[in-house]
C-alpha atoms as a PDB file:
ATOM      1  CA  MET A   1      35.173 102.441  79.209  1.00  0.00           C
ATOM      2  CA  LYS A   2      38.974 102.363  79.357  1.00  0.00           C
ATOM      3  CA  ILE A   3      41.077 105.270  80.613  1.00  0.00           C
ATOM      4  CA  LEU A   4      44.773 105.999  80.063  1.00  0.00           C
ATOM      5  CA  LEU A   5      46.605 108.059  82.694  1.00  0.00           C
ATOM      6  CA  LEU A   6      49.738 109.845  81.477  1.00  0.00           C
ATOM      7  CA  SER A   7      52.503 111.578  83.399  1.00  0.00           C
ATOM      8  CA  CYS A   8      56.214 112.425  83.128  1.00  0.00           C
ATOM      9  CA  SER A   9      58.954 111.905  85.703  1.00  0.00           C
ATOM     10  CA  THR A  10      59.923 115.543  86.283  1.00  0.00           C
ATOM     11  CA  GLY A  11      59.183 115.815  89.985  1.00  0.00           C
ATOM     12  CA  GLY A  12      57.224 113.204  91.905  1.00  0.00           C
ATOM     13  CA  GLY A  13      53.951 115.138  92.137  1.00  0.00           C
ATOM     14  CA  HIS A  14      52.832 114.532  88.556  1.00  0.00           C
ATOM     15  CA  ASN A  15      53.230 110.769  88.925  1.00  0.00           C
ATOM     16  CA  SER A  16      51.663 110.630  92.380  1.00  0.00           C
ATOM     17  CA  CYS A  17      48.649 112.603  91.234  1.00  0.00           C
ATOM     18  CA  ALA A  18      48.120 110.241  88.296  1.00  0.00           C
ATOM     19  CA  ARG A  19      48.432 107.279  90.668  1.00  0.00           C
ATOM     20  CA  TYR A  20      45.790 108.773  92.979  1.00  0.00           C
ATOM     21  CA  ILE A  21      43.366 109.087  90.076  1.00  0.00           C
ATOM     22  CA  GLU A  22      44.184 105.542  88.971  1.00  0.00           C
ATOM     23  CA  GLU A  23      43.493 104.290  92.502  1.00  0.00           C
ATOM     24  CA  GLU A  24      40.150 106.107  92.655  1.00  0.00           C
ATOM     25  CA  LEU A  25      39.102 104.844  89.197  1.00  0.00           C
ATOM     26  CA  LYS A  26      39.934 101.251  90.083  1.00  0.00           C
ATOM     27  CA  SER A  27      38.006 101.510  93.351  1.00  0.00           C
ATOM     28  CA  ASN A  28      35.018 102.391  91.142  1.00  0.00           C
ATOM     29  CA  ASN A  29      35.675  99.346  88.896  1.00  0.00           C
ATOM     30  CA  ILE A  30      36.723 101.524  85.936  1.00  0.00           C
ATOM     31  CA  ASP A  31      39.301  99.965  83.618  1.00  0.00           C
ATOM     32  CA  CYS A  32      42.421 102.132  83.527  1.00  0.00           C
ATOM     33  CA  GLU A  33      46.200 102.073  83.230  1.00  0.00           C
ATOM     34  CA  PHE A  34      49.036 104.416  84.175  1.00  0.00           C
ATOM     35  CA  LYS A  35      51.907 105.029  81.757  1.00  0.00           C
ATOM     36  CA  ASP A  36      54.885 107.336  81.679  1.00  0.00           C
ATOM     37  CA  PHE A  37      54.433 109.382  78.503  1.00  0.00           C
ATOM     38  CA  TYR A  38      58.025 108.747  77.416  1.00  0.00           C
ATOM     39  CA  ASP A  39      57.652 104.972  77.813  1.00  0.00           C
ATOM     40  CA  ILE A  40      55.174 105.209  74.943  1.00  0.00           C
ATOM     41  CA  VAL A  41      56.773 107.785  72.656  1.00  0.00           C
ATOM     42  CA  ASN A  42      60.537 107.824  73.353  1.00  0.00           C
ATOM     43  CA  GLU A  43      62.201 105.847  76.143  1.00  0.00           C
ATOM     44  CA  LYS A  44      65.599 107.509  75.571  1.00  0.00           C
ATOM     45  CA  ALA A  45      64.062 110.966  76.053  1.00  0.00           C
ATOM     46  CA  LYS A  46      62.805 109.885  79.484  1.00  0.00           C
ATOM     47  CA  ASN A  47      66.284 109.789  81.045  1.00  0.00           C
ATOM     48  CA  ILE A  48      67.333 112.954  79.242  1.00  0.00           C
ATOM     49  CA  SER A  49      64.336 114.948  80.500  1.00  0.00           C
ATOM     50  CA  GLU A  50      64.892 113.715  84.079  1.00  0.00           C
ATOM     51  CA  LYS A  51      68.573 114.744  83.963  1.00  0.00           C
ATOM     52  CA  ILE A  52      67.759 118.178  82.543  1.00  0.00           C
ATOM     53  CA  TYR A  53      65.153 118.732  85.253  1.00  0.00           C
ATOM     54  CA  LEU A  54      67.528 117.687  88.037  1.00  0.00           C
ATOM     55  CA  LYS A  55      70.320 119.924  86.704  1.00  0.00           C
ATOM     56  CA  SER A  56      67.910 122.862  86.536  1.00  0.00           C
ATOM     57  CA  LEU A  57      67.410 122.551  90.309  1.00  0.00           C
ATOM     58  CA  GLY A  58      71.089 123.255  90.944  1.00  0.00           C
ATOM     59  CA  ASN A  59      72.243 126.350  92.804  1.00  0.00           C
ATOM     60  CA  GLU A  60      69.096 126.248  94.983  1.00  0.00           C
ATOM     61  CA  GLY A  61      66.802 126.296  91.957  1.00  0.00           C
ATOM     62  CA  LYS A  62      68.135 129.516  90.410  1.00  0.00           C
ATOM     63  CA  ILE A  63      68.550 127.876  86.988  1.00  0.00           C
ATOM     64  CA  PHE A  64      64.967 126.601  87.075  1.00  0.00           C
ATOM     65  CA  LYS A  65      63.788 130.061  88.152  1.00  0.00           C
ATOM     66  CA  ASN A  66      65.389 131.693  85.108  1.00  0.00           C
ATOM     67  CA  ILE A  67      64.002 129.053  82.753  1.00  0.00           C
ATOM     68  CA  TYR A  68      60.540 129.484  84.274  1.00  0.00           C
ATOM     69  CA  LYS A  69      60.678 133.276  83.887  1.00  0.00           C
ATOM     70  CA  MET A  70      61.710 132.900  80.251  1.00  0.00           C
ATOM     71  CA  GLY A  71      58.770 130.538  79.755  1.00  0.00           C
ATOM     72  CA  GLU A  72      56.371 133.053  81.285  1.00  0.00           C
ATOM     73  CA  LEU A  73      57.641 135.820  79.019  1.00  0.00           C
ATOM     74  CA  TYR A  74      57.507 133.631  75.899  1.00  0.00           C
ATOM     75  CA  SER A  75      54.021 132.453  76.828  1.00  0.00           C
ATOM     76  CA  LYS A  76      52.805 136.071  76.699  1.00  0.00           C
ATOM     77  CA  THR A  77      53.919 136.495  73.065  1.00  0.00           C
ATOM     78  CA  GLY A  78      51.205 134.203  71.745  1.00  0.00           C
ATOM     79  CA  ILE A  79      53.735 132.584  69.395  1.00  0.00           C
ATOM     80  CA  LYS A  80      53.611 128.779  69.181  1.00  0.00           C
ATOM     81  CA  SER A  81      56.173 127.553  71.696  1.00  0.00           C
ATOM     82  CA  PRO A  82      59.148 125.228  71.091  1.00  0.00           C
ATOM     83  CA  VAL A  83      57.659 123.052  73.855  1.00  0.00           C
ATOM     84  CA  TYR A  84      54.538 122.506  71.746  1.00  0.00           C
ATOM     85  CA  LEU A  85      56.543 121.838  68.581  1.00  0.00           C
ATOM     86  CA  VAL A  86      58.797 119.288  70.300  1.00  0.00           C
ATOM     87  CA  ASN A  87      55.845 117.376  71.764  1.00  0.00           C
ATOM     88  CA  LYS A  88      53.961 117.531  68.470  1.00  0.00           C
ATOM     89  CA  ILE A  89      56.601 115.160  67.067  1.00  0.00           C
ATOM     90  CA  HIS A  90      55.239 112.333  69.259  1.00  0.00           C
ATOM     91  CA  LYS A  91      51.648 112.443  68.025  1.00  0.00           C
ATOM     92  CA  LYS A  92      51.781 109.398  65.738  1.00  0.00           C
ATOM     93  CA  LYS A  93      53.200 107.063  68.413  1.00  0.00           C
ATOM     94  CA  LEU A  94      50.795 108.289  71.073  1.00  0.00           C
ATOM     95  CA  TYR A  95      47.792 108.124  68.740  1.00  0.00           C
ATOM     96  CA  ASN A  96      48.626 104.564  67.686  1.00  0.00           C
ATOM     97  CA  TYR A  97      48.995 103.482  71.313  1.00  0.00           C
ATOM     98  CA  ILE A  98      45.625 104.983  72.227  1.00  0.00           C
ATOM     99  CA  LYS A  99      43.851 103.362  69.270  1.00  0.00           C
ATOM    100  CA  ASN A 100      45.577  99.973  69.573  1.00  0.00           C
ATOM    101  CA  ASN A 101      44.625  99.763  73.248  1.00  0.00           C
ATOM    102  CA  ASN A 102      41.016 100.918  72.774  1.00  0.00           C
ATOM    103  CA  ILE A 103      41.381 103.929  75.054  1.00  0.00           C
ATOM    104  CA  ASP A 104      38.204 105.998  75.455  1.00  0.00           C
ATOM    105  CA  LEU A 105      39.552 108.819  77.626  1.00  0.00           C
ATOM    106  CA  VAL A 106      43.021 110.107  78.488  1.00  0.00           C
ATOM    107  CA  ILE A 107      43.860 111.956  81.704  1.00  0.00           C
ATOM    108  CA  THR A 108      47.223 113.697  81.824  1.00  0.00           C
ATOM    109  CA  THR A 109      48.860 115.271  84.852  1.00  0.00           C
ATOM    110  CA  HIS A 110      51.704 116.809  82.820  1.00  0.00           C
ATOM    111  CA  LEU A 111      51.912 119.477  80.125  1.00  0.00           C
ATOM    112  CA  PHE A 112      53.961 117.466  77.603  1.00  0.00           C
ATOM    113  CA  PRO A 113      51.380 114.751  76.793  1.00  0.00           C
ATOM    114  CA  ALA A 114      48.645 117.410  76.903  1.00  0.00           C
ATOM    115  CA  LEU A 115      50.391 119.243  74.059  1.00  0.00           C
ATOM    116  CA  THR A 116      50.842 116.020  72.081  1.00  0.00           C
ATOM    117  CA  LEU A 117      47.149 115.202  72.499  1.00  0.00           C
ATOM    118  CA  THR A 118      46.269 118.730  71.377  1.00  0.00           C
ATOM    119  CA  SER A 119      48.340 118.307  68.209  1.00  0.00           C
ATOM    120  CA  ILE A 120      46.551 115.004  67.509  1.00  0.00           C
ATOM    121  CA  ASN A 121      43.164 116.692  67.773  1.00  0.00           C
ATOM    122  CA  LYS A 122      44.267 119.462  65.416  1.00  0.00           C
ATOM    123  CA  ASP A 123      45.279 116.958  62.732  1.00  0.00           C
ATOM    124  CA  LYS A 124      42.447 116.055  60.361  1.00  0.00           C
ATOM    125  CA  ASP A 125      44.083 112.688  59.628  1.00  0.00           C
ATOM    126  CA  TYR A 126      43.378 111.528  63.196  1.00  0.00           C
ATOM    127  CA  ASN A 127      40.158 110.907  65.085  1.00  0.00           C
ATOM    128  CA  ASN A 128      39.512 113.203  68.043  1.00  0.00           C
ATOM    129  CA  ILE A 129      40.832 112.045  71.443  1.00  0.00           C
ATOM    130  CA  HIS A 130      38.902 113.036  74.560  1.00  0.00           C
ATOM    131  CA  PHE A 131      41.287 114.106  77.297  1.00  0.00           C
ATOM    132  CA  LEU A 132      41.419 115.904  80.649  1.00  0.00           C
ATOM    133  CA  PHE A 133      44.413 117.906  81.845  1.00  0.00           C
ATOM    134  CA  VAL A 134      45.047 117.996  85.597  1.00  0.00           C
ATOM    135  CA  ALA A 135      46.958 121.098  86.732  1.00  0.00           C
ATOM    136  CA  THR A 136      49.014 119.883  89.697  1.00  0.00           C
ATOM    137  CA  ASP A 137      49.945 123.357  90.985  1.00  0.00           C
ATOM    138  CA  TYR A 138      48.128 126.468  92.184  1.00  0.00           C
ATOM    139  CA  GLU A 139      49.120 128.483  89.115  1.00  0.00           C
ATOM    140  CA  PRO A 140      48.700 127.710  85.400  1.00  0.00           C
ATOM    141  CA  CYS A 141      52.206 127.014  84.098  1.00  0.00           C
ATOM    142  CA  PRO A 142      53.743 128.619  80.994  1.00  0.00           C
ATOM    143  CA  PHE A 143      52.335 127.238  77.712  1.00  0.00           C
ATOM    144  CA  MET A 144      49.339 125.636  79.446  1.00  0.00           C
ATOM    145  CA  GLU A 145      47.121 127.785  77.225  1.00  0.00           C
ATOM    146  CA  GLU A 146      48.396 125.839  74.194  1.00  0.00           C
ATOM    147  CA  ALA A 147      46.749 122.665  75.517  1.00  0.00           C
ATOM    148  CA  LYS A 148      43.133 122.143  74.446  1.00  0.00           C
ATOM    149  CA  PRO A 149      41.622 119.416  76.640  1.00  0.00           C
ATOM    150  CA  ASP A 150      37.935 118.801  77.204  1.00  0.00           C
ATOM    151  CA  TYR A 151      38.480 120.255  80.695  1.00  0.00           C
ATOM    152  CA  PHE A 152      41.282 121.533  82.912  1.00  0.00           C
ATOM    153  CA  ILE A 153      41.118 120.105  86.451  1.00  0.00           C
ATOM    154  CA  THR A 154      42.150 122.755  88.974  1.00  0.00           C
ATOM    155  CA  ASN A 155      41.329 124.315  92.342  1.00  0.00           C
ATOM    156  CA  LYS A 156      38.707 126.924  93.114  1.00  0.00           C
ATOM    157  CA  GLY A 157      40.166 130.396  93.280  1.00  0.00           C
ATOM    158  CA  LEU A 158      42.276 130.068  90.135  1.00  0.00           C
ATOM    159  CA  GLU A 159      39.600 131.011  87.603  1.00  0.00           C
ATOM    160  CA  GLU A 160      40.987 134.497  86.998  1.00  0.00           C
ATOM    161  CA  LYS A 161      44.508 133.139  86.482  1.00  0.00           C
ATOM    162  CA  PHE A 162      43.246 130.752  83.802  1.00  0.00           C
ATOM    163  CA  ASN A 163      41.099 133.448  82.196  1.00  0.00           C
ATOM    164  CA  LYS A 164      44.210 135.621  81.808  1.00  0.00           C
ATOM    165  CA  LYS A 165      45.656 132.798  79.728  1.00  0.00           C
ATOM    166  CA  LYS A 166      42.502 132.902  77.573  1.00  0.00           C
ATOM    167  CA  ILE A 167      41.189 129.674  79.076  1.00  0.00           C
ATOM    168  CA  SER A 168      37.469 130.135  79.628  1.00  0.00           C
ATOM    169  CA  THR A 169      35.803 129.322  82.938  1.00  0.00           C
ATOM    170  CA  ASP A 170      33.498 126.783  81.294  1.00  0.00           C
ATOM    171  CA  LYS A 171      36.606 124.698  80.516  1.00  0.00           C
ATOM    172  CA  LEU A 172      37.531 124.503  84.213  1.00  0.00           C
ATOM    173  CA  LEU A 173      36.507 121.692  86.536  1.00  0.00           C
ATOM    174  CA  THR A 174      37.357 123.066  89.982  1.00  0.00           C
ATOM    175  CA  THR A 175      37.204 119.847  92.011  1.00  0.00           C
ATOM    176  CA  GLY A 176      40.754 120.439  93.280  1.00  0.00           C
ATOM    177  CA  ILE A 177      44.090 118.710  92.751  1.00  0.00           C
ATOM    178  CA  PRO A 178      43.173 115.004  93.020  1.00  0.00           C
ATOM    179  CA  VAL A 179      44.213 113.124  96.141  1.00  0.00           C
ATOM    180  CA  SER A 180      42.686 109.676  96.581  1.00  0.00           C
ATOM    181  CA  THR A 181      40.036 108.954  99.192  1.00  0.00           C
ATOM    182  CA  ARG A 182      42.212 106.147 100.579  1.00  0.00           C
ATOM    183  CA  PHE A 183      45.179 108.484 101.151  1.00  0.00           C
ATOM    184  CA  ILE A 184      43.088 110.854 103.261  1.00  0.00           C
ATOM    185  CA  LYS A 185      40.560 108.676 105.031  1.00  0.00           C
ATOM    186  CA  GLN A 186      42.747 105.644 105.740  1.00  0.00           C
ATOM    187  CA  ALA A 187      45.674 107.576 107.210  1.00  0.00           C
ATOM    188  CA  LYS A 188      46.499 106.151 110.643  1.00  0.00           C
ATOM    189  CA  ASN A 189      48.396 107.156 113.743  1.00  0.00           C
ATOM    190  CA  ILE A 190      51.890 105.601 113.733  1.00  0.00           C
ATOM    191  CA  ARG A 191      53.420 107.641 116.565  1.00  0.00           C
ATOM    192  CA  LYS A 192      54.182 104.477 118.564  1.00  0.00           C
ATOM    193  CA  ASP A 193      55.977 102.969 115.560  1.00  0.00           C
ATOM    194  CA  LEU A 194      58.095 106.126 115.420  1.00  0.00           C
ATOM    195  CA  ASN A 195      58.749 105.899 119.163  1.00  0.00           C
ATOM    196  CA  VAL A 196      56.884 109.156 119.765  1.00  0.00           C
ATOM    197  CA  ASN A 197      54.869 109.310 122.968  1.00  0.00           C
ATOM    198  CA  ASN A 198      53.879 112.645 124.506  1.00  0.00           C
ATOM    199  CA  GLU A 199      56.422 114.654 122.497  1.00  0.00           C
ATOM    200  CA  THR A 200      55.467 117.183 119.848  1.00  0.00           C
ATOM    201  CA  LEU A 201      56.209 115.703 116.414  1.00  0.00           C
ATOM    202  CA  ILE A 202      57.474 117.999 113.656  1.00  0.00           C
ATOM    203  CA  LEU A 203      57.361 116.421 110.194  1.00  0.00           C
ATOM    204  CA  ILE A 204      59.698 117.829 107.536  1.00  0.00           C
ATOM    205  CA  MET A 205      58.930 116.888 103.916  1.00  0.00           C
ATOM    206  CA  LEU A 206      61.498 117.859 101.273  1.00  0.00           C
ATOM    207  CA  GLY A 207      59.849 116.449  98.162  1.00  0.00           C
ATOM    208  CA  SER A 208      60.570 113.211  96.309  1.00  0.00           C
ATOM    209  CA  MET A 209      64.179 114.292  95.679  1.00  0.00           C
ATOM    210  CA  GLY A 210      64.969 115.810  99.087  1.00  0.00           C
ATOM    211  CA  PHE A 211      65.402 119.427  97.995  1.00  0.00           C
ATOM    212  CA  GLY A 212      66.840 122.052 100.372  1.00  0.00           C
ATOM    213  CA  SER A 213      69.645 122.418 102.941  1.00  0.00           C
ATOM    214  CA  ILE A 214      67.872 121.597 106.178  1.00  0.00           C
ATOM    215  CA  ASP A 215      70.852 120.579 108.370  1.00  0.00           C
ATOM    216  CA  THR A 216      71.346 123.784 110.387  1.00  0.00           C
ATOM    217  CA  VAL A 217      67.583 124.198 110.816  1.00  0.00           C
ATOM    218  CA  ILE A 218      67.273 120.725 112.315  1.00  0.00           C
ATOM    219  CA  THR A 219      70.177 121.310 114.673  1.00  0.00           C
ATOM    220  CA  GLU A 220      68.411 124.379 116.058  1.00  0.00           C
ATOM    221  CA  LEU A 221      64.946 122.780 116.252  1.00  0.00           C
ATOM    222  CA  LEU A 222      66.367 119.811 118.148  1.00  0.00           C
ATOM    223  CA  LYS A 223      67.017 122.213 121.029  1.00  0.00           C
ATOM    224  CA  GLN A 224      63.246 122.457 121.598  1.00  0.00           C
ATOM    225  CA  GLU A 225      62.126 120.580 124.686  1.00  0.00           C
ATOM    226  CA  ASN A 226      59.805 117.586 124.426  1.00  0.00           C
ATOM    227  CA  THR A 227      60.007 117.643 120.628  1.00  0.00           C
ATOM    228  CA  LYS A 228      60.886 115.042 118.009  1.00  0.00           C
ATOM    229  CA  ILE A 229      61.621 115.732 114.365  1.00  0.00           C
ATOM    230  CA  CYS A 230      60.903 113.351 111.496  1.00  0.00           C
ATOM    231  CA  VAL A 231      62.577 114.165 108.162  1.00  0.00           C
ATOM    232  CA  VAL A 232      61.587 112.526 104.865  1.00  0.00           C
ATOM    233  CA  CYS A 233      64.631 112.756 102.576  1.00  0.00           C
ATOM    234  CA  GLY A 234      63.076 111.131  99.511  1.00  0.00           C
ATOM    235  CA  THR A 235      65.702 109.771  97.120  1.00  0.00           C
ATOM    236  CA  ASN A 236      68.426 112.142  98.420  1.00  0.00           C
ATOM    237  CA  LYS A 237      70.844 109.601  99.918  1.00  0.00           C
ATOM    238  CA  ASN A 238      73.459 112.255 100.638  1.00  0.00           C
ATOM    239  CA  LEU A 239      71.007 114.148 102.854  1.00  0.00           C
ATOM    240  CA  PHE A 240      69.879 110.890 104.468  1.00  0.00           C
ATOM    241  CA  ASP A 241      73.458 110.004 105.416  1.00  0.00           C
ATOM    242  CA  ARG A 242      74.267 113.522 106.684  1.00  0.00           C
ATOM    243  CA  LEU A 243      71.238 113.644 108.967  1.00  0.00           C
ATOM    244  CA  ASN A 244      71.840 110.148 110.290  1.00  0.00           C
ATOM    245  CA  SER A 245      75.325 111.231 111.322  1.00  0.00           C
ATOM    246  CA  ILE A 246      73.788 113.715 113.789  1.00  0.00           C
ATOM    247  CA  LYS A 247      73.042 110.806 116.164  1.00  0.00           C
ATOM    248  CA  ASN A 248      70.196 112.365 118.139  1.00  0.00           C
ATOM    249  CA  GLN A 249      67.429 110.190 119.645  1.00  0.00           C
ATOM    250  CA  ASN A 250      64.899 112.938 118.921  1.00  0.00           C
ATOM    251  CA  LEU A 251      65.644 112.898 115.177  1.00  0.00           C
ATOM    252  CA  ILE A 252      63.921 110.366 112.921  1.00  0.00           C
ATOM    253  CA  VAL A 253      65.442 110.167 109.439  1.00  0.00           C
ATOM    254  CA  LEU A 254      63.540 108.428 106.640  1.00  0.00           C
ATOM    255  CA  GLY A 255      64.324 107.924 102.957  1.00  0.00           C
ATOM    256  CA  PHE A 256      61.674 107.417 100.295  1.00  0.00           C
ATOM    257  CA  VAL A 257      58.426 106.363 102.016  1.00  0.00           C
ATOM    258  CA  SER A 258      55.125 104.902 100.852  1.00  0.00           C
ATOM    259  CA  ASN A 259      53.096 105.905 103.921  1.00  0.00           C
ATOM    260  CA  VAL A 260      53.438 109.681 103.851  1.00  0.00           C
ATOM    261  CA  ASN A 261      49.733 109.990 104.729  1.00  0.00           C
ATOM    262  CA  ASP A 262      50.359 108.180 108.032  1.00  0.00           C
ATOM    263  CA  LEU A 263      53.300 110.469 108.770  1.00  0.00           C
ATOM    264  CA  ILE A 264      51.235 113.599 108.089  1.00  0.00           C
ATOM    265  CA  TYR A 265      48.339 112.308 110.188  1.00  0.00           C
ATOM    266  CA  SER A 266      50.663 111.472 113.102  1.00  0.00           C
ATOM    267  CA  SER A 267      52.445 114.845 113.152  1.00  0.00           C
ATOM    268  CA  ASP A 268      51.588 118.013 115.068  1.00  0.00           C
ATOM    269  CA  ILE A 269      52.909 120.455 112.467  1.00  0.00           C
ATOM    270  CA  VAL A 270      54.371 119.942 108.984  1.00  0.00           C
ATOM    271  CA  LEU A 271      57.223 121.759 107.259  1.00  0.00           C
ATOM    272  CA  SER A 272      57.108 121.078 103.534  1.00  0.00           C
ATOM    273  CA  LYS A 273      58.544 122.116 100.221  1.00  0.00           C
ATOM    274  CA  PRO A 274      55.538 123.733  98.459  1.00  0.00           C
ATOM    275  CA  GLY A 275      54.895 121.267  95.696  1.00  0.00           C
ATOM    276  CA  GLY A 276      51.309 121.487  94.489  1.00  0.00           C
ATOM    277  CA  LEU A 277      50.472 117.884  95.312  1.00  0.00           C
ATOM    278  CA  SER A 278      52.359 117.669  98.622  1.00  0.00           C
ATOM    279  CA  SER A 279      50.709 120.900  99.804  1.00  0.00           C
ATOM    280  CA  THR A 280      47.320 119.445  98.855  1.00  0.00           C
ATOM    281  CA  GLU A 281      48.070 116.180 100.663  1.00  0.00           C
ATOM    282  CA  ILE A 282      48.922 118.022 103.884  1.00  0.00           C
ATOM    283  CA  ALA A 283      45.962 120.387 103.677  1.00  0.00           C
ATOM    284  CA  SER A 284      43.589 117.512 102.878  1.00  0.00           C
ATOM    285  CA  ILE A 285      44.589 115.818 106.147  1.00  0.00           C
ATOM    286  CA  ARG A 286      44.278 119.256 107.858  1.00  0.00           C
ATOM    287  CA  LYS A 287      47.624 119.981 109.474  1.00  0.00           C
ATOM    288  CA  PRO A 288      49.322 123.278 110.446  1.00  0.00           C
ATOM    289  CA  LEU A 289      51.716 123.960 107.573  1.00  0.00           C
ATOM    290  CA  LEU A 290      54.934 125.879 107.046  1.00  0.00           C
ATOM    291  CA  HIS A 291      56.188 126.169 103.478  1.00  0.00           C
ATOM    292  CA  ILE A 292      59.971 125.926 103.114  1.00  0.00           C
ATOM    293  CA  PHE A 293      62.538 125.831 100.271  1.00  0.00           C
ATOM    294  CA  PRO A 294      60.283 126.548  97.281  1.00  0.00           C
ATOM    295  CA  ILE A 295      61.775 125.771  93.878  1.00  0.00           C
ATOM    296  CA  PRO A 296      61.611 129.316  92.422  1.00  0.00           C
ATOM    297  CA  GLY A 297      58.791 129.691  89.935  1.00  0.00           C
ATOM    298  CA  ILE A 298      55.698 127.532  90.200  1.00  0.00           C
ATOM    299  CA  GLU A 299      56.273 126.594  93.858  1.00  0.00           C
ATOM    300  CA  THR A 300      56.533 130.256  94.800  1.00  0.00           C
ATOM    301  CA  TYR A 301      53.026 130.672  93.369  1.00  0.00           C
ATOM    302  CA  ASN A 302      51.818 127.665  95.375  1.00  0.00           C
ATOM    303  CA  THR A 303      53.110 129.326  98.542  1.00  0.00           C
ATOM    304  CA  LYS A 304      51.373 132.602  97.710  1.00  0.00           C
ATOM    305  CA  PHE A 305      48.051 130.866  96.970  1.00  0.00           C
ATOM    306  CA  PHE A 306      48.103 129.204 100.383  1.00  0.00           C
ATOM    307  CA  ASN A 307      49.289 132.299 102.226  1.00  0.00           C
ATOM    308  CA  LYS A 308      46.656 134.575 100.683  1.00  0.00           C
ATOM    309  CA  ARG A 309      44.043 132.253 102.172  1.00  0.00           C
ATOM    310  CA  ASN A 310      45.828 131.867 105.540  1.00  0.00           C
ATOM    311  CA  MET A 311      46.494 128.160 105.020  1.00  0.00           C
ATOM    312  CA  ASN A 312      50.224 128.298 105.813  1.00  0.00           C
ATOM    313  CA  LEU A 313      53.129 130.290 107.160  1.00  0.00           C
ATOM    314  CA  ILE A 314      55.811 131.334 104.652  1.00  0.00           C
ATOM    315  CA  CYS A 315      59.483 130.798 105.483  1.00  0.00           C
ATOM    316  CA  ASN A 316      61.806 132.704 103.136  1.00  0.00           C
ATOM    317  CA  ASN A 317      65.076 131.685 104.814  1.00  0.00           C
ATOM    318  CA  LYS A 318      66.487 129.405 107.502  1.00  0.00           C
ATOM    319  CA  GLU A 319      66.001 132.004 110.240  1.00  0.00           C
ATOM    320  CA  GLU A 320      62.302 132.275 109.390  1.00  0.00           C
ATOM    321  CA  ILE A 321      61.919 128.502 109.338  1.00  0.00           C
ATOM    322  CA  ILE A 322      63.181 128.348 112.916  1.00  0.00           C
ATOM    323  CA  SER A 323      61.259 131.391 114.217  1.00  0.00           C
ATOM    324  CA  ASN A 324      57.981 130.505 112.453  1.00  0.00           C
ATOM    325  CA  CYS A 325      58.206 126.905 113.604  1.00  0.00           C
ATOM    326  CA  LYS A 326      58.622 127.999 117.213  1.00  0.00           C
ATOM    327  CA  TYR A 327      55.793 130.509 116.836  1.00  0.00           C
ATOM    328  CA  LEU A 328      53.403 127.925 115.406  1.00  0.00           C
ATOM    329  CA  LEU A 329      54.246 125.380 118.079  1.00  0.00           C
ATOM    330  CA  GLN A 330      53.317 127.898 120.760  1.00  0.00           C
ATOM    331  CA  ASN A 331      50.256 129.365 119.057  1.00  0.00           C
ATOM    332  CA  LYS A 332      47.312 126.959 119.069  1.00  0.00           C
ATOM    333  CA  ASP A 333      44.946 129.643 117.742  1.00  0.00           C
ATOM    334  CA  LYS A 334      47.082 130.066 114.631  1.00  0.00           C
ATOM    335  CA  GLN A 335      47.137 126.311 114.144  1.00  0.00           C
ATOM    336  CA  LYS A 336      43.329 126.237 114.304  1.00  0.00           C
ATOM    337  CA  GLU A 337      43.077 129.156 111.867  1.00  0.00           C
ATOM    338  CA  ILE A 338      45.266 127.382 109.313  1.00  0.00           C
ATOM    339  CA  ILE A 339      43.256 124.156 109.600  1.00  0.00           C
ATOM    340  CA  SER A 340      39.945 126.017 109.386  1.00  0.00           C
ATOM    341  CA  ASN A 341      40.999 127.673 106.128  1.00  0.00           C
ATOM    342  CA  GLN A 342      42.259 124.388 104.706  1.00  0.00           C
ATOM    343  CA  GLU A 343      38.783 122.996 105.322  1.00  0.00           C
ATOM    344  CA  LYS A 344      37.351 126.005 103.491  1.00  0.00           C
ATOM    345  CA  TYR A 345      39.548 125.981 100.388  1.00  0.00           C
ATOM    346  CA  ILE A 346      40.914 122.430  99.910  1.00  0.00           C
ATOM    347  CA  ASN A 347      38.493 119.697  98.850  1.00  0.00           C
ATOM    348  CA  CYS A 348      39.250 116.401 100.602  1.00  0.00           C
ATOM    349  CA  ASN A 349      36.971 114.587  98.098  1.00  0.00           C
ATOM    350  CA  SER A 350      38.885 115.843  95.047  1.00  0.00           C
ATOM    351  CA  ALA A 351      39.624 112.481  93.394  1.00  0.00           C
ATOM    352  CA  LYS A 352      36.141 111.129  94.182  1.00  0.00           C
ATOM    353  CA  ASN A 353      34.477 114.214  92.671  1.00  0.00           C
ATOM    354  CA  LEU A 354      36.617 113.892  89.541  1.00  0.00           C
ATOM    355  CA  VAL A 355      35.695 110.227  89.110  1.00  0.00           C
ATOM    356  CA  ASP A 356      32.009 111.051  89.650  1.00  0.00           C
ATOM    357  CA  PHE A 357      32.289 113.658  86.885  1.00  0.00           C
ATOM    358  CA  ILE A 358      33.876 111.107  84.560  1.00  0.00           C
ATOM    359  CA  LYS A 359      31.163 108.543  85.278  1.00  0.00           C
ATOM    360  CA  ASN A 360      28.439 111.091  84.578  1.00  0.00           C
ATOM    361  CA  ASN A 361      29.980 112.606  81.447  1.00  0.00           C
ATOM    362  CA  TYR A 362      31.969 109.882  79.701  1.00  0.00           C
END
């Protein structure tokens, strides 16, 4: 069996999730490869889609919020979406790649290739392609109902949301958003490497692109006694340079990192932008979590999913980030409650369970 993993570079979570599945498949000696969807169908469109996505995050995500709301409203009309029609154009190139490379199963962590695969399977001139669609957030996104995979991979507790989009429960595999076994179980304590001894360590994760104005928050949190703060800026060099200019021995500023699991494991509490995958990573390692700076739309839903199940604290503004952080640091019972609920609702064997399902069914 050979498996193709497809993603798109609009936010790091889609790619990371696909990489986790790839890692788990390879650890089970299953032949697989990861490809960016646009590298197969249209390399020029790859840069364009990345630029559009980044521009939509301007003005603290208000543009993205409006686009997302429009998508939700359009999705309710039941009319075939422009998103489907645009991705339908790529079906010949994707189909030829799959056939020429003897692919038996496709797993996509992004809507765009899922819609292209759906259009292939609707065309009588093509053979049917088996594919799975991994939903990387805690809410089905607009137009997801237009995708027709063998199964949607999602988290328990979202069945009703999918049903409202006319996706039946028997099409849901609720093993959770996949995070590899290695990421969770091989995370190690690197506090000494960070020069953290007996201090409390606050980890701040701002997504792969370093989203959110955290400067004033950090300045205030640095006033806490016996506390160090580690900030992961991702690819946001401007933020990296600004924070480094603070020149405080209790502030650790990092750029794009490859050992985020070690950082989570080594921290006492985590402040994170509520991406679906990053939230799952933190909860899988079982850490007290504060959600900050959601990109309006899908990440707001992620925050609500976690909060409804008491797996986080919500911070709607900078004042709440500071006050909730102080509260959580002082309240060990609340920390234990959050971790207990993460254990209840977030599957730390998500990628393994998905691979077991594939082995048994494909």
